[in-house]
Amino acid sequence: MSFLKSILSALKPGIVQADTAAPIPGYTHGQASVARAPYSLDDLASLQKALLFNDEDVQALRQSAAILADQTDAILDVWYGFVASTPELVVFFGNTRTGEPDPVYLEAVRKRFARWILDTAEANYDQAWLDYQYEIGLRHSKFKKNKTDGAQSTAQVNFRYIPALTIPITTTLKPFLAKHGASAAEVEKIHAAWVKSVLLQSILWSQPYIRDGEF
């Protein structure tokens, strides 16, 4: 119970807004420190084709940016609440010394998570975007987890949970897409684009977990 209370304490209203002007610690999209992805833009195009991800999906995602921009904090409350109620997930934010969630780590990740919502909506799928997907994958894996925030937590996020989270993330996002006057048909179209985008990203994040030559 104390484990759950600790993570829920991070759900303080107003803790994060998706402010693109304010610097976000650890957010390095487009910076020289980000390594070049081991997959190419041609690989990305082939993956998008396999996912039936097209220009209409890109436009639907763009439409979602204006809908979600002022709702990121409420969305994160839902997502963090889901993690808090799921022991298999909350453990990845736990401090290995105390066995309790690390509130500083939770808050740092939350700020980048808010930015990720808009990055997903506004992505232009260039080399910088592709490289940052690789960086995100590294930060979930044993190669770089905890390094960005200096956290003393579990060594990696077990890969099976990364693609699995496509469902709770996109399912719980749907009610937020229905706000600000979007029609039912628009909501369905935007939601379908989000499902494809989150699955696309989770596939790219998987690369550090897969043996050379098998990705």
N, C-alpha and C. Protein backbone atom coordinates (compact mmCIF):
# COMPACT_ATOMS: atom_id res chain seq x y z
N MET A 1 0.82 -1.20 0.00
CA MET A 1 0.00 0.00 0.00
C MET A 1 0.86 1.26 0.00
N SER A 2 1.95 1.28 0.77
CA SER A 2 2.81 2.46 0.79
C SER A 2 3.44 2.69 -0.57
N PHE A 3 3.69 1.59 -1.31
CA PHE A 3 4.25 1.68 -2.66
C PHE A 3 3.29 2.45 -3.56
N LEU A 4 2.00 2.10 -3.46
CA LEU A 4 0.98 2.76 -4.27
C LEU A 4 0.83 4.22 -3.87
N LYS A 5 0.84 4.49 -2.57
CA LYS A 5 0.69 5.87 -2.11
C LYS A 5 1.86 6.73 -2.58
N SER A 6 3.06 6.16 -2.61
CA SER A 6 4.22 6.93 -3.02
C SER A 6 4.13 7.37 -4.47
N ILE A 7 3.70 6.46 -5.34
CA ILE A 7 3.62 6.84 -6.75
C ILE A 7 2.44 7.77 -6.99
N LEU A 8 1.35 7.58 -6.26
CA LEU A 8 0.21 8.48 -6.42
C LEU A 8 0.52 9.89 -5.96
N SER A 9 1.48 10.04 -5.08
CA SER A 9 1.85 11.37 -4.62
C SER A 9 2.47 12.20 -5.72
N ALA A 10 2.93 11.54 -6.78
CA ALA A 10 3.47 12.27 -7.93
C ALA A 10 2.37 12.86 -8.80
N LEU A 11 1.11 12.46 -8.55
CA LEU A 11 0.00 12.93 -9.37
C LEU A 11 -0.56 14.22 -8.81
N LYS A 12 0.26 15.24 -8.72
CA LYS A 12 -0.17 16.50 -8.17
C LYS A 12 -0.67 17.40 -9.30
N PRO A 13 -1.89 17.91 -9.24
CA PRO A 13 -2.40 18.75 -10.31
C PRO A 13 -1.46 19.89 -10.64
N GLY A 14 -1.25 20.11 -11.91
CA GLY A 14 -0.43 21.23 -12.34
C GLY A 14 1.05 20.97 -12.34
N ILE A 15 1.48 19.75 -12.03
CA ILE A 15 2.91 19.50 -11.95
C ILE A 15 3.60 19.63 -13.30
N VAL A 16 2.84 19.33 -14.37
CA VAL A 16 3.41 19.36 -15.71
C VAL A 16 2.41 19.93 -16.69
N GLN A 17 2.87 20.78 -17.55
CA GLN A 17 2.13 21.17 -18.74
C GLN A 17 3.09 21.00 -19.90
N ALA A 18 2.54 20.77 -21.07
CA ALA A 18 3.39 20.55 -22.24
C ALA A 18 3.86 21.90 -22.78
N ASP A 19 4.75 22.53 -22.06
CA ASP A 19 5.30 23.83 -22.42
C ASP A 19 6.52 23.61 -23.29
N THR A 20 6.38 23.92 -24.57
CA THR A 20 7.47 23.66 -25.50
C THR A 20 8.60 24.66 -25.35
N ALA A 21 8.36 25.78 -24.66
CA ALA A 21 9.39 26.80 -24.51
C ALA A 21 10.32 26.50 -23.34
N ALA A 22 9.77 25.94 -22.27
CA ALA A 22 10.57 25.68 -21.08
C ALA A 22 11.47 24.46 -21.30
N PRO A 23 12.74 24.55 -20.91
CA PRO A 23 13.63 23.40 -21.05
C PRO A 23 13.20 22.26 -20.14
N ILE A 24 13.32 21.05 -20.63
CA ILE A 24 12.93 19.86 -19.88
C ILE A 24 14.19 19.06 -19.60
N PRO A 25 14.59 18.89 -18.34
CA PRO A 25 15.80 18.12 -18.03
C PRO A 25 15.75 16.72 -18.66
N GLY A 26 16.83 16.39 -19.35
CA GLY A 26 16.93 15.07 -19.96
C GLY A 26 16.28 14.94 -21.32
N TYR A 27 15.60 15.98 -21.77
CA TYR A 27 14.97 15.93 -23.09
C TYR A 27 15.98 16.42 -24.12
N THR A 28 16.45 15.52 -24.98
CA THR A 28 17.58 15.83 -25.86
C THR A 28 17.26 15.65 -27.33
N HIS A 29 15.99 15.69 -27.67
CA HIS A 29 15.60 15.56 -29.08
C HIS A 29 16.32 16.59 -29.94
N GLY A 30 16.98 16.13 -31.01
CA GLY A 30 17.66 17.02 -31.92
C GLY A 30 19.02 17.49 -31.48
N GLN A 31 19.49 17.04 -30.32
CA GLN A 31 20.79 17.47 -29.82
C GLN A 31 21.92 16.56 -30.30
N ALA A 32 23.12 17.11 -30.35
CA ALA A 32 24.27 16.36 -30.87
C ALA A 32 24.62 15.17 -30.00
N SER A 33 24.18 15.18 -28.76
CA SER A 33 24.50 14.07 -27.83
C SER A 33 23.75 12.79 -28.17
N VAL A 34 22.72 12.89 -28.99
CA VAL A 34 21.91 11.72 -29.33
C VAL A 34 22.60 10.93 -30.44
N ALA A 35 22.80 9.65 -30.20
CA ALA A 35 23.47 8.79 -31.19
C ALA A 35 22.59 8.58 -32.41
N ARG A 36 23.22 8.34 -33.53
CA ARG A 36 22.46 8.06 -34.74
C ARG A 36 21.82 6.67 -34.63
N ALA A 37 20.58 6.59 -35.04
CA ALA A 37 19.85 5.33 -34.96
C ALA A 37 20.48 4.28 -35.86
N PRO A 38 20.47 3.02 -35.44
CA PRO A 38 21.02 1.94 -36.26
C PRO A 38 20.05 1.47 -37.34
N TYR A 39 18.91 2.11 -37.45
CA TYR A 39 17.97 1.86 -38.55
C TYR A 39 17.82 3.15 -39.34
N SER A 40 17.47 3.03 -40.61
CA SER A 40 17.48 4.16 -41.52
C SER A 40 16.08 4.71 -41.78
N LEU A 41 16.03 5.84 -42.47
CA LEU A 41 14.76 6.41 -42.87
C LEU A 41 14.03 5.48 -43.85
N ASP A 42 14.79 4.75 -44.65
CA ASP A 42 14.17 3.75 -45.52
C ASP A 42 13.54 2.63 -44.70
N ASP A 43 14.23 2.23 -43.63
CA ASP A 43 13.66 1.22 -42.73
C ASP A 43 12.36 1.73 -42.11
N LEU A 44 12.38 3.00 -41.72
CA LEU A 44 11.19 3.60 -41.14
C LEU A 44 10.04 3.59 -42.13
N ALA A 45 10.31 3.97 -43.37
CA ALA A 45 9.27 4.00 -44.39
C ALA A 45 8.68 2.60 -44.61
N SER A 46 9.53 1.59 -44.61
CA SER A 46 9.05 0.22 -44.79
C SER A 46 8.19 -0.22 -43.61
N LEU A 47 8.59 0.19 -42.40
CA LEU A 47 7.81 -0.16 -41.22
C LEU A 47 6.46 0.55 -41.24
N GLN A 48 6.45 1.81 -41.62
CA GLN A 48 5.20 2.54 -41.73
C GLN A 48 4.28 1.88 -42.75
N LYS A 49 4.84 1.43 -43.84
CA LYS A 49 4.05 0.75 -44.86
C LYS A 49 3.43 -0.53 -44.30
N ALA A 50 4.20 -1.28 -43.55
CA ALA A 50 3.70 -2.52 -42.95
C ALA A 50 2.59 -2.25 -41.94
N LEU A 51 2.63 -1.08 -41.30
CA LEU A 51 1.63 -0.70 -40.31
C LEU A 51 0.42 0.02 -40.93
N LEU A 52 0.42 0.17 -42.25
CA LEU A 52 -0.62 0.93 -42.95
C LEU A 52 -0.68 2.37 -42.45
N PHE A 53 0.47 2.88 -42.10
CA PHE A 53 0.58 4.24 -41.58
C PHE A 53 0.87 5.17 -42.77
N ASN A 54 -0.03 6.12 -43.02
CA ASN A 54 0.09 6.95 -44.22
C ASN A 54 -0.08 8.43 -43.91
N ASP A 55 -0.15 9.24 -44.96
CA ASP A 55 -0.26 10.69 -44.79
C ASP A 55 -1.54 11.09 -44.07
N GLU A 56 -2.60 10.33 -44.24
CA GLU A 56 -3.84 10.65 -43.52
C GLU A 56 -3.65 10.48 -42.01
N ASP A 57 -2.85 9.49 -41.64
CA ASP A 57 -2.56 9.31 -40.21
C ASP A 57 -1.73 10.46 -39.68
N VAL A 58 -0.77 10.93 -40.47
CA VAL A 58 0.05 12.07 -40.06
C VAL A 58 -0.83 13.29 -39.83
N GLN A 59 -1.77 13.53 -40.74
CA GLN A 59 -2.65 14.67 -40.61
C GLN A 59 -3.57 14.52 -39.40
N ALA A 60 -4.03 13.31 -39.14
CA ALA A 60 -4.88 13.08 -37.97
C ALA A 60 -4.10 13.34 -36.68
N LEU A 61 -2.85 12.91 -36.65
CA LEU A 61 -2.01 13.18 -35.48
C LEU A 61 -1.80 14.68 -35.30
N ARG A 62 -1.57 15.38 -36.39
CA ARG A 62 -1.42 16.84 -36.32
C ARG A 62 -2.67 17.47 -35.71
N GLN A 63 -3.82 16.99 -36.11
CA GLN A 63 -5.08 17.51 -35.57
C GLN A 63 -5.16 17.30 -34.07
N SER A 64 -4.61 16.19 -33.60
CA SER A 64 -4.68 15.89 -32.17
C SER A 64 -3.84 16.83 -31.32
N ALA A 65 -2.85 17.46 -31.91
CA ALA A 65 -1.96 18.34 -31.14
C ALA A 65 -2.75 19.46 -30.47
N ALA A 66 -3.62 20.11 -31.23
CA ALA A 66 -4.40 21.21 -30.68
C ALA A 66 -5.41 20.71 -29.65
N ILE A 67 -5.90 19.49 -29.85
CA ILE A 67 -6.89 18.92 -28.92
C ILE A 67 -6.24 18.57 -27.58
N LEU A 68 -5.02 18.06 -27.62
CA LEU A 68 -4.39 17.51 -26.42
C LEU A 68 -3.48 18.49 -25.68
N ALA A 69 -3.11 19.58 -26.32
CA ALA A 69 -2.08 20.46 -25.77
C ALA A 69 -2.39 20.94 -24.35
N ASP A 70 -3.66 21.24 -24.06
CA ASP A 70 -4.01 21.74 -22.72
C ASP A 70 -4.54 20.63 -21.82
N GLN A 71 -4.38 19.38 -22.26
CA GLN A 71 -4.88 18.26 -21.46
C GLN A 71 -3.78 17.31 -20.99
N THR A 72 -2.54 17.67 -21.25
CA THR A 72 -1.46 16.72 -20.96
C THR A 72 -1.39 16.33 -19.49
N ASP A 73 -1.66 17.28 -18.61
CA ASP A 73 -1.57 16.96 -17.18
C ASP A 73 -2.65 15.96 -16.78
N ALA A 74 -3.86 16.15 -17.29
CA ALA A 74 -4.95 15.24 -16.98
C ALA A 74 -4.68 13.86 -17.58
N ILE A 75 -4.13 13.83 -18.77
CA ILE A 75 -3.78 12.55 -19.41
C ILE A 75 -2.74 11.82 -18.57
N LEU A 76 -1.74 12.53 -18.12
CA LEU A 76 -0.69 11.91 -17.32
C LEU A 76 -1.21 11.41 -15.98
N ASP A 77 -2.18 12.10 -15.41
CA ASP A 77 -2.80 11.61 -14.18
C ASP A 77 -3.40 10.22 -14.42
N VAL A 78 -4.07 10.06 -15.56
CA VAL A 78 -4.68 8.77 -15.88
C VAL A 78 -3.60 7.72 -16.09
N TRP A 79 -2.58 8.05 -16.88
CA TRP A 79 -1.53 7.08 -17.18
C TRP A 79 -0.73 6.71 -15.93
N TYR A 80 -0.39 7.68 -15.11
CA TYR A 80 0.35 7.38 -13.88
C TYR A 80 -0.53 6.61 -12.90
N GLY A 81 -1.82 6.90 -12.91
CA GLY A 81 -2.72 6.14 -12.06
C GLY A 81 -2.78 4.68 -12.47
N PHE A 82 -2.74 4.43 -13.77
CA PHE A 82 -2.73 3.05 -14.26
C PHE A 82 -1.44 2.35 -13.83
N VAL A 83 -0.32 3.02 -13.99
CA VAL A 83 0.95 2.44 -13.57
C VAL A 83 0.94 2.16 -12.07
N ALA A 84 0.42 3.11 -11.30
CA ALA A 84 0.39 2.96 -9.84
C ALA A 84 -0.43 1.75 -9.40
N SER A 85 -1.44 1.42 -10.18
CA SER A 85 -2.32 0.31 -9.82
C SER A 85 -1.88 -1.01 -10.42
N THR A 86 -0.73 -1.00 -11.10
CA THR A 86 -0.23 -2.19 -11.78
C THR A 86 1.16 -2.53 -11.24
N PRO A 87 1.28 -3.43 -10.28
CA PRO A 87 2.58 -3.72 -9.67
C PRO A 87 3.65 -4.12 -10.68
N GLU A 88 3.24 -4.78 -11.76
CA GLU A 88 4.21 -5.21 -12.77
C GLU A 88 4.88 -4.02 -13.46
N LEU A 89 4.24 -2.85 -13.40
CA LEU A 89 4.78 -1.66 -14.04
C LEU A 89 5.44 -0.71 -13.04
N VAL A 90 4.81 -0.55 -11.89
CA VAL A 90 5.32 0.42 -10.92
C VAL A 90 6.72 0.05 -10.43
N VAL A 91 7.07 -1.21 -10.50
CA VAL A 91 8.38 -1.64 -10.03
C VAL A 91 9.51 -0.97 -10.80
N PHE A 92 9.25 -0.56 -12.03
CA PHE A 92 10.30 0.04 -12.85
C PHE A 92 10.64 1.47 -12.42
N PHE A 93 9.84 2.01 -11.51
CA PHE A 93 10.14 3.33 -10.93
C PHE A 93 10.61 3.20 -9.49
N GLY A 94 10.81 1.98 -9.03
CA GLY A 94 11.18 1.78 -7.64
C GLY A 94 12.66 1.99 -7.37
N ASN A 95 12.94 2.49 -6.19
CA ASN A 95 14.32 2.62 -5.73
C ASN A 95 14.78 1.27 -5.22
N THR A 96 15.90 0.79 -5.73
CA THR A 96 16.36 -0.55 -5.37
C THR A 96 16.83 -0.64 -3.93
N ARG A 97 17.11 0.47 -3.28
CA ARG A 97 17.54 0.43 -1.89
C ARG A 97 16.35 0.41 -0.93
N THR A 98 15.34 1.25 -1.22
CA THR A 98 14.22 1.39 -0.30
C THR A 98 13.03 0.51 -0.68
N GLY A 99 12.96 0.11 -1.94
CA GLY A 99 11.80 -0.65 -2.39
C GLY A 99 10.58 0.20 -2.65
N GLU A 100 10.72 1.52 -2.52
CA GLU A 100 9.61 2.45 -2.75
C GLU A 100 9.83 3.21 -4.05
N PRO A 101 8.76 3.70 -4.67
CA PRO A 101 8.91 4.53 -5.87
C PRO A 101 9.74 5.77 -5.58
N ASP A 102 10.52 6.18 -6.55
CA ASP A 102 11.38 7.36 -6.42
C ASP A 102 10.60 8.56 -6.96
N PRO A 103 10.12 9.47 -6.09
CA PRO A 103 9.30 10.59 -6.56
C PRO A 103 10.04 11.54 -7.49
N VAL A 104 11.35 11.71 -7.27
CA VAL A 104 12.13 12.59 -8.15
C VAL A 104 12.22 11.99 -9.55
N TYR A 105 12.45 10.71 -9.60
CA TYR A 105 12.50 9.99 -10.88
C TYR A 105 11.15 10.06 -11.59
N LEU A 106 10.08 9.84 -10.84
CA LEU A 106 8.74 9.89 -11.40
C LEU A 106 8.43 11.25 -12.00
N GLU A 107 8.81 12.31 -11.29
CA GLU A 107 8.52 13.66 -11.77
C GLU A 107 9.34 13.98 -13.02
N ALA A 108 10.61 13.57 -13.05
CA ALA A 108 11.45 13.83 -14.20
C ALA A 108 10.90 13.13 -15.45
N VAL A 109 10.50 11.88 -15.28
CA VAL A 109 9.94 11.14 -16.41
C VAL A 109 8.62 11.76 -16.85
N ARG A 110 7.84 12.20 -15.90
CA ARG A 110 6.54 12.79 -16.21
C ARG A 110 6.69 14.02 -17.11
N LYS A 111 7.64 14.83 -16.85
CA LYS A 111 7.84 16.03 -17.68
C LYS A 111 8.17 15.66 -19.12
N ARG A 112 9.01 14.65 -19.29
CA ARG A 112 9.34 14.22 -20.66
C ARG A 112 8.15 13.51 -21.31
N PHE A 113 7.35 12.82 -20.49
CA PHE A 113 6.18 12.13 -21.00
C PHE A 113 5.17 13.14 -21.56
N ALA A 114 5.03 14.28 -20.89
CA ALA A 114 4.14 15.33 -21.38
C ALA A 114 4.62 15.83 -22.74
N ARG A 115 5.92 16.02 -22.87
CA ARG A 115 6.48 16.46 -24.15
C ARG A 115 6.30 15.39 -25.22
N TRP A 116 6.37 14.12 -24.82
CA TRP A 116 6.20 13.02 -25.77
C TRP A 116 4.82 13.03 -26.42
N ILE A 117 3.81 13.44 -25.67
CA ILE A 117 2.46 13.50 -26.24
C ILE A 117 2.45 14.43 -27.45
N LEU A 118 3.02 15.60 -27.30
CA LEU A 118 3.04 16.54 -28.42
C LEU A 118 4.04 16.13 -29.48
N ASP A 119 5.14 15.53 -29.08
CA ASP A 119 6.09 15.03 -30.08
C ASP A 119 5.44 13.97 -30.97
N THR A 120 4.60 13.14 -30.38
CA THR A 120 3.89 12.13 -31.15
C THR A 120 2.92 12.78 -32.12
N ALA A 121 2.22 13.79 -31.65
CA ALA A 121 1.24 14.47 -32.50
C ALA A 121 1.90 15.27 -33.62
N GLU A 122 3.08 15.81 -33.36
CA GLU A 122 3.71 16.74 -34.30
C GLU A 122 4.90 16.15 -35.05
N ALA A 123 5.14 14.87 -34.91
CA ALA A 123 6.34 14.25 -35.49
C ALA A 123 6.43 14.47 -36.99
N ASN A 124 7.64 14.76 -37.46
CA ASN A 124 7.85 14.89 -38.91
C ASN A 124 8.68 13.74 -39.48
N TYR A 125 9.05 12.79 -38.63
CA TYR A 125 9.68 11.55 -39.07
C TYR A 125 10.97 11.78 -39.87
N ASP A 126 11.75 12.74 -39.40
CA ASP A 126 13.06 12.98 -40.01
C ASP A 126 14.14 12.23 -39.23
N GLN A 127 15.41 12.48 -39.57
CA GLN A 127 16.49 11.76 -38.92
C GLN A 127 16.57 12.06 -37.43
N ALA A 128 16.33 13.31 -37.05
CA ALA A 128 16.38 13.67 -35.64
C ALA A 128 15.31 12.92 -34.85
N TRP A 129 14.12 12.82 -35.42
CA TRP A 129 13.05 12.08 -34.76
C TRP A 129 13.42 10.61 -34.64
N LEU A 130 13.97 10.05 -35.72
CA LEU A 130 14.35 8.64 -35.72
C LEU A 130 15.44 8.37 -34.69
N ASP A 131 16.42 9.25 -34.63
CA ASP A 131 17.50 9.08 -33.66
C ASP A 131 16.98 9.13 -32.22
N TYR A 132 15.99 9.98 -32.00
CA TYR A 132 15.48 10.08 -30.63
C TYR A 132 14.65 8.86 -30.23
N GLN A 133 14.05 8.20 -31.20
CA GLN A 133 13.37 6.94 -30.88
C GLN A 133 14.38 5.91 -30.38
N TYR A 134 15.53 5.88 -31.02
CA TYR A 134 16.60 4.98 -30.57
C TYR A 134 17.05 5.34 -29.16
N GLU A 135 17.17 6.63 -28.89
CA GLU A 135 17.56 7.09 -27.56
C GLU A 135 16.53 6.66 -26.51
N ILE A 136 15.26 6.79 -26.83
CA ILE A 136 14.21 6.37 -25.90
C ILE A 136 14.31 4.87 -25.64
N GLY A 137 14.55 4.10 -26.69
CA GLY A 137 14.73 2.67 -26.51
C GLY A 137 15.89 2.34 -25.58
N LEU A 138 17.00 3.02 -25.78
CA LEU A 138 18.17 2.82 -24.92
C LEU A 138 17.84 3.14 -23.46
N ARG A 139 17.06 4.18 -23.25
CA ARG A 139 16.73 4.61 -21.89
C ARG A 139 15.78 3.65 -21.18
N HIS A 140 15.10 2.81 -21.93
CA HIS A 140 14.27 1.78 -21.31
C HIS A 140 15.06 0.50 -21.05
N SER A 141 16.14 0.32 -21.79
CA SER A 141 16.91 -0.91 -21.72
C SER A 141 18.04 -0.81 -20.70
N LYS A 142 18.74 -1.91 -20.53
CA LYS A 142 19.85 -1.97 -19.57
C LYS A 142 21.01 -1.05 -19.96
N PHE A 143 21.03 -0.58 -21.22
CA PHE A 143 22.15 0.24 -21.67
C PHE A 143 22.13 1.66 -21.10
N LYS A 144 20.92 2.23 -20.89
CA LYS A 144 20.89 3.62 -20.43
C LYS A 144 19.81 3.92 -19.39
N LYS A 145 19.05 2.90 -18.97
CA LYS A 145 18.02 3.21 -17.98
C LYS A 145 18.67 3.77 -16.71
N ASN A 146 18.04 4.77 -16.16
CA ASN A 146 18.47 5.45 -14.92
C ASN A 146 19.56 6.49 -15.13
N LYS A 147 20.30 6.41 -16.24
CA LYS A 147 21.45 7.31 -16.42
C LYS A 147 21.02 8.76 -16.61
N THR A 148 19.93 8.98 -17.33
CA THR A 148 19.50 10.35 -17.62
C THR A 148 19.19 11.12 -16.34
N ASP A 149 18.56 10.45 -15.39
CA ASP A 149 18.12 11.12 -14.16
C ASP A 149 18.96 10.75 -12.94
N GLY A 150 19.99 9.93 -13.12
CA GLY A 150 20.80 9.50 -12.00
C GLY A 150 20.00 8.72 -10.97
N ALA A 151 19.01 7.98 -11.44
CA ALA A 151 18.15 7.22 -10.53
C ALA A 151 18.80 5.90 -10.15
N GLN A 152 18.45 5.42 -8.97
CA GLN A 152 18.87 4.10 -8.54
C GLN A 152 17.64 3.21 -8.55
N SER A 153 17.31 2.72 -9.74
CA SER A 153 16.09 1.96 -9.92
C SER A 153 16.41 0.65 -10.64
N THR A 154 15.38 -0.07 -11.02
CA THR A 154 15.57 -1.33 -11.73
C THR A 154 16.41 -1.13 -12.98
N ALA A 155 17.14 -2.17 -13.36
CA ALA A 155 18.15 -2.05 -14.42
C ALA A 155 17.56 -1.83 -15.80
N GLN A 156 16.35 -2.29 -16.03
CA GLN A 156 15.72 -2.07 -17.33
C GLN A 156 14.22 -2.28 -17.20
N VAL A 157 13.48 -1.76 -18.19
CA VAL A 157 12.06 -2.09 -18.33
C VAL A 157 11.99 -3.37 -19.15
N ASN A 158 11.39 -4.40 -18.61
CA ASN A 158 11.28 -5.65 -19.36
C ASN A 158 10.52 -5.39 -20.66
N PHE A 159 11.09 -5.87 -21.75
CA PHE A 159 10.58 -5.49 -23.06
C PHE A 159 9.11 -5.82 -23.27
N ARG A 160 8.64 -6.92 -22.72
CA ARG A 160 7.27 -7.34 -23.01
C ARG A 160 6.24 -6.27 -22.66
N TYR A 161 6.56 -5.41 -21.71
CA TYR A 161 5.60 -4.39 -21.30
C TYR A 161 5.59 -3.18 -22.23
N ILE A 162 6.62 -3.01 -23.03
CA ILE A 162 6.68 -1.82 -23.90
C ILE A 162 5.62 -1.87 -24.99
N PRO A 163 5.56 -2.93 -25.82
CA PRO A 163 4.46 -2.97 -26.80
C PRO A 163 3.10 -3.14 -26.14
N ALA A 164 3.06 -3.82 -24.99
CA ALA A 164 1.78 -4.03 -24.31
C ALA A 164 1.13 -2.72 -23.92
N LEU A 165 1.93 -1.72 -23.57
CA LEU A 165 1.40 -0.44 -23.13
C LEU A 165 0.73 0.35 -24.24
N THR A 166 0.89 -0.09 -25.49
CA THR A 166 0.16 0.55 -26.59
C THR A 166 -1.33 0.58 -26.29
N ILE A 167 -1.86 -0.49 -25.73
CA ILE A 167 -3.31 -0.59 -25.51
C ILE A 167 -3.79 0.34 -24.40
N PRO A 168 -3.25 0.29 -23.18
CA PRO A 168 -3.77 1.22 -22.16
C PRO A 168 -3.53 2.68 -22.50
N ILE A 169 -2.40 2.99 -23.13
CA ILE A 169 -2.12 4.38 -23.48
C ILE A 169 -3.13 4.91 -24.48
N THR A 170 -3.36 4.16 -25.55
CA THR A 170 -4.26 4.66 -26.59
C THR A 170 -5.73 4.54 -26.20
N THR A 171 -6.07 3.52 -25.42
CA THR A 171 -7.45 3.37 -24.99
C THR A 171 -7.87 4.49 -24.06
N THR A 172 -7.03 4.80 -23.09
CA THR A 172 -7.36 5.86 -22.14
C THR A 172 -7.24 7.25 -22.76
N LEU A 173 -6.53 7.38 -23.87
CA LEU A 173 -6.42 8.67 -24.55
C LEU A 173 -7.71 9.04 -25.27
N LYS A 174 -8.48 8.05 -25.68
CA LYS A 174 -9.63 8.29 -26.55
C LYS A 174 -10.62 9.31 -25.99
N PRO A 175 -10.99 9.26 -24.71
CA PRO A 175 -11.92 10.27 -24.20
C PRO A 175 -11.39 11.70 -24.31
N PHE A 176 -10.09 11.87 -24.20
CA PHE A 176 -9.51 13.21 -24.32
C PHE A 176 -9.59 13.72 -25.76
N LEU A 177 -9.53 12.81 -26.72
CA LEU A 177 -9.63 13.21 -28.13
C LEU A 177 -11.03 13.70 -28.47
N ALA A 178 -12.03 13.30 -27.67
CA ALA A 178 -13.41 13.67 -27.93
C ALA A 178 -13.73 15.09 -27.45
N LYS A 179 -12.79 15.72 -26.80
CA LYS A 179 -13.04 17.06 -26.28
C LYS A 179 -12.70 18.12 -27.35
N HIS A 180 -13.10 19.33 -27.09
CA HIS A 180 -12.84 20.47 -27.97
C HIS A 180 -13.54 20.34 -29.32
N GLY A 181 -14.67 19.64 -29.34
CA GLY A 181 -15.54 19.68 -30.51
C GLY A 181 -15.26 18.71 -31.63
N ALA A 182 -14.34 17.79 -31.46
CA ALA A 182 -14.08 16.80 -32.51
C ALA A 182 -15.30 15.91 -32.68
N SER A 183 -15.64 15.61 -33.92
CA SER A 183 -16.78 14.74 -34.19
C SER A 183 -16.42 13.30 -33.86
N ALA A 184 -17.43 12.45 -33.77
CA ALA A 184 -17.19 11.03 -33.49
C ALA A 184 -16.31 10.41 -34.57
N ALA A 185 -16.56 10.77 -35.82
CA ALA A 185 -15.76 10.23 -36.92
C ALA A 185 -14.31 10.70 -36.83
N GLU A 186 -14.12 11.97 -36.46
CA GLU A 186 -12.77 12.49 -36.30
C GLU A 186 -12.04 11.80 -35.16
N VAL A 187 -12.74 11.58 -34.07
CA VAL A 187 -12.13 10.90 -32.92
C VAL A 187 -11.66 9.50 -33.32
N GLU A 188 -12.47 8.77 -34.05
CA GLU A 188 -12.09 7.43 -34.48
C GLU A 188 -10.86 7.47 -35.37
N LYS A 189 -10.83 8.41 -36.27
CA LYS A 189 -9.70 8.54 -37.20
C LYS A 189 -8.42 8.90 -36.45
N ILE A 190 -8.53 9.85 -35.54
CA ILE A 190 -7.35 10.28 -34.78
C ILE A 190 -6.88 9.15 -33.86
N HIS A 191 -7.83 8.48 -33.23
CA HIS A 191 -7.46 7.39 -32.33
C HIS A 191 -6.74 6.28 -33.09
N ALA A 192 -7.21 5.94 -34.27
CA ALA A 192 -6.56 4.91 -35.07
C ALA A 192 -5.13 5.32 -35.42
N ALA A 193 -4.92 6.60 -35.71
CA ALA A 193 -3.58 7.09 -36.02
C ALA A 193 -2.68 7.00 -34.79
N TRP A 194 -3.23 7.29 -33.62
CA TRP A 194 -2.44 7.19 -32.38
C TRP A 194 -2.04 5.74 -32.10
N VAL A 195 -2.95 4.80 -32.33
CA VAL A 195 -2.61 3.39 -32.12
C VAL A 195 -1.44 3.00 -33.01
N LYS A 196 -1.50 3.39 -34.28
CA LYS A 196 -0.41 3.07 -35.20
C LYS A 196 0.90 3.73 -34.77
N SER A 197 0.81 5.00 -34.36
CA SER A 197 2.02 5.73 -34.00
C SER A 197 2.68 5.16 -32.76
N VAL A 198 1.88 4.84 -31.74
CA VAL A 198 2.47 4.30 -30.51
C VAL A 198 3.07 2.93 -30.77
N LEU A 199 2.40 2.11 -31.57
CA LEU A 199 2.97 0.81 -31.91
C LEU A 199 4.24 0.97 -32.73
N LEU A 200 4.24 1.90 -33.67
CA LEU A 200 5.44 2.19 -34.46
C LEU A 200 6.61 2.55 -33.56
N GLN A 201 6.37 3.43 -32.61
CA GLN A 201 7.44 3.86 -31.71
C GLN A 201 7.92 2.71 -30.83
N SER A 202 6.99 1.92 -30.32
CA SER A 202 7.40 0.82 -29.45
C SER A 202 8.24 -0.20 -30.22
N ILE A 203 7.96 -0.38 -31.50
CA ILE A 203 8.77 -1.27 -32.32
C ILE A 203 10.18 -0.70 -32.46
N LEU A 204 10.28 0.59 -32.72
CA LEU A 204 11.61 1.21 -32.85
C LEU A 204 12.35 1.15 -31.51
N TRP A 205 11.64 1.31 -30.41
CA TRP A 205 12.29 1.25 -29.09
C TRP A 205 12.82 -0.14 -28.78
N SER A 206 12.33 -1.14 -29.50
CA SER A 206 12.72 -2.52 -29.20
C SER A 206 14.14 -2.85 -29.65
N GLN A 207 14.73 -2.04 -30.52
CA GLN A 207 16.01 -2.39 -31.14
C GLN A 207 17.11 -2.74 -30.13
N PRO A 208 17.29 -1.98 -29.04
CA PRO A 208 18.35 -2.33 -28.09
C PRO A 208 18.16 -3.69 -27.41
N TYR A 209 16.94 -4.22 -27.43
CA TYR A 209 16.65 -5.48 -26.78
C TYR A 209 16.91 -6.69 -27.68
N ILE A 210 17.13 -6.43 -28.97
CA ILE A 210 17.19 -7.52 -29.95
C ILE A 210 18.61 -7.76 -30.40
N ARG A 211 18.97 -9.02 -30.57
CA ARG A 211 20.33 -9.38 -30.97
C ARG A 211 20.66 -8.82 -32.34
N ASP A 212 21.93 -8.52 -32.55
CA ASP A 212 22.38 -7.93 -33.82
C ASP A 212 21.90 -8.77 -35.00
N GLY A 213 21.41 -8.06 -35.99
CA GLY A 213 21.00 -8.72 -37.21
C GLY A 213 19.59 -9.26 -37.19
N GLU A 214 18.88 -9.11 -36.05
CA GLU A 214 17.54 -9.68 -35.95
C GLU A 214 16.43 -8.64 -35.91
N PHE A 215 16.78 -7.37 -35.81
CA PHE A 215 15.76 -6.33 -35.72
C PHE A 215 14.99 -6.22 -37.02
